[in-house]
Amino acid sequence: MCLNKSAFLGFGPTDSKTTIAGIEIIEISNGLIVKQWGEWDVGEHQFNAKSNL
């Protein structure tokens, strides 16, 4: 949970609380990142931003 203090994903700043949930999977080989995959659910952030317009 954080405050939307600047424009993000086309919304804001709203100065209201918002949530962005997600997951990052990172493969490390010999101390280096060799693959990265991430998926983020910005739906709640967009809903919170729209409801504060």
C-alpha atoms as a PDB file:
ATOM      1  CA  MET A   1       0.000   0.000   0.000  1.00  0.00           C
ATOM      2  CA  CYS A   2       1.336   3.417  -0.904  1.00  0.00           C
ATOM      3  CA  LEU A   3       0.146   6.927  -1.710  1.00  0.00           C
ATOM      4  CA  ASN A   4      -0.288   7.899  -5.357  1.00  0.00           C
ATOM      5  CA  LYS A   5       1.897  11.030  -5.299  1.00  0.00           C
ATOM      6  CA  SER A   6       2.665  11.291  -9.034  1.00  0.00           C
ATOM      7  CA  ALA A   7       1.190  10.283 -12.374  1.00  0.00           C
ATOM      8  CA  PHE A   8       1.377   6.506 -12.921  1.00  0.00           C
ATOM      9  CA  LEU A   9      -0.294   4.417 -15.624  1.00  0.00           C
ATOM     10  CA  GLY A  10      -2.208   7.454 -16.815  1.00  0.00           C
ATOM     11  CA  PHE A  11      -3.679   8.367 -13.422  1.00  0.00           C
ATOM     12  CA  GLY A  12      -2.754  10.710 -10.660  1.00  0.00           C
ATOM     13  CA  PRO A  13      -1.506  12.149  -8.637  1.00  0.00           C
ATOM     14  CA  THR A  14      -4.497  11.435  -6.418  1.00  0.00           C
ATOM     15  CA  ASP A  15      -2.793  11.569  -2.980  1.00  0.00           C
ATOM     16  CA  SER A  16      -4.869   8.521  -2.023  1.00  0.00           C
ATOM     17  CA  LYS A  17      -3.829   5.013  -1.035  1.00  0.00           C
ATOM     18  CA  THR A  18      -3.393   2.512  -3.834  1.00  0.00           C
ATOM     19  CA  THR A  19      -2.273  -1.101  -4.225  1.00  0.00           C
ATOM     20  CA  ILE A  20      -0.427  -2.830  -7.021  1.00  0.00           C
ATOM     21  CA  ALA A  21       0.035  -6.568  -6.477  1.00  0.00           C
ATOM     22  CA  GLY A  22       2.358  -8.730  -8.486  1.00  0.00           C
ATOM     23  CA  ILE A  23       5.048 -11.343  -8.730  1.00  0.00           C
ATOM     24  CA  GLU A  24       8.595 -11.349 -10.112  1.00  0.00           C
ATOM     25  CA  ILE A  25      10.421 -14.567 -10.945  1.00  0.00           C
ATOM     26  CA  ILE A  26      14.129 -14.161 -11.559  1.00  0.00           C
ATOM     27  CA  GLU A  27      16.572 -16.862 -12.673  1.00  0.00           C
ATOM     28  CA  ILE A  28      20.136 -16.320 -11.512  1.00  0.00           C
ATOM     29  CA  SER A  29      23.117 -18.191 -12.959  1.00  0.00           C
ATOM     30  CA  ASN A  30      26.702 -17.612 -11.816  1.00  0.00           C
ATOM     31  CA  GLY A  31      25.593 -14.551  -9.847  1.00  0.00           C
ATOM     32  CA  LEU A  32      23.926 -12.896 -12.863  1.00  0.00           C
ATOM     33  CA  ILE A  33      20.275 -12.458 -13.746  1.00  0.00           C
ATOM     34  CA  VAL A  34      19.714 -14.512 -16.896  1.00  0.00           C
ATOM     35  CA  LYS A  35      15.906 -14.508 -17.061  1.00  0.00           C
ATOM     36  CA  GLN A  36      13.179 -12.383 -15.534  1.00  0.00           C
ATOM     37  CA  TRP A  37       9.418 -12.654 -15.697  1.00  0.00           C
ATOM     38  CA  GLY A  38       6.893 -10.465 -13.948  1.00  0.00           C
ATOM     39  CA  GLU A  39       3.145 -10.058 -13.826  1.00  0.00           C
ATOM     40  CA  TRP A  40       1.456  -7.131 -12.108  1.00  0.00           C
ATOM     41  CA  ASP A  41      -2.236  -6.533 -11.421  1.00  0.00           C
ATOM     42  CA  VAL A  42      -2.815  -2.807 -11.778  1.00  0.00           C
ATOM     43  CA  GLY A  43      -6.603  -3.125 -11.752  1.00  0.00           C
ATOM     44  CA  GLU A  44      -7.028  -1.956  -8.171  1.00  0.00           C
ATOM     45  CA  HIS A  45      -4.683   0.988  -8.782  1.00  0.00           C
ATOM     46  CA  GLN A  46      -6.781   2.043 -11.786  1.00  0.00           C
ATOM     47  CA  PHE A  47     -10.040   1.571  -9.853  1.00  0.00           C
ATOM     48  CA  ASN A  48      -8.756   3.629  -6.893  1.00  0.00           C
ATOM     49  CA  ALA A  49      -7.501   6.382  -9.194  1.00  0.00           C
ATOM     50  CA  LYS A  50     -10.778   6.611 -11.133  1.00  0.00           C
ATOM     51  CA  SER A  51     -12.877   6.657  -7.980  1.00  0.00           C
ATOM     52  CA  ASN A  52     -10.870   9.674  -6.713  1.00  0.00           C
ATOM     53  CA  LEU A  53     -11.253  11.798  -9.859  1.00  0.00           C
END
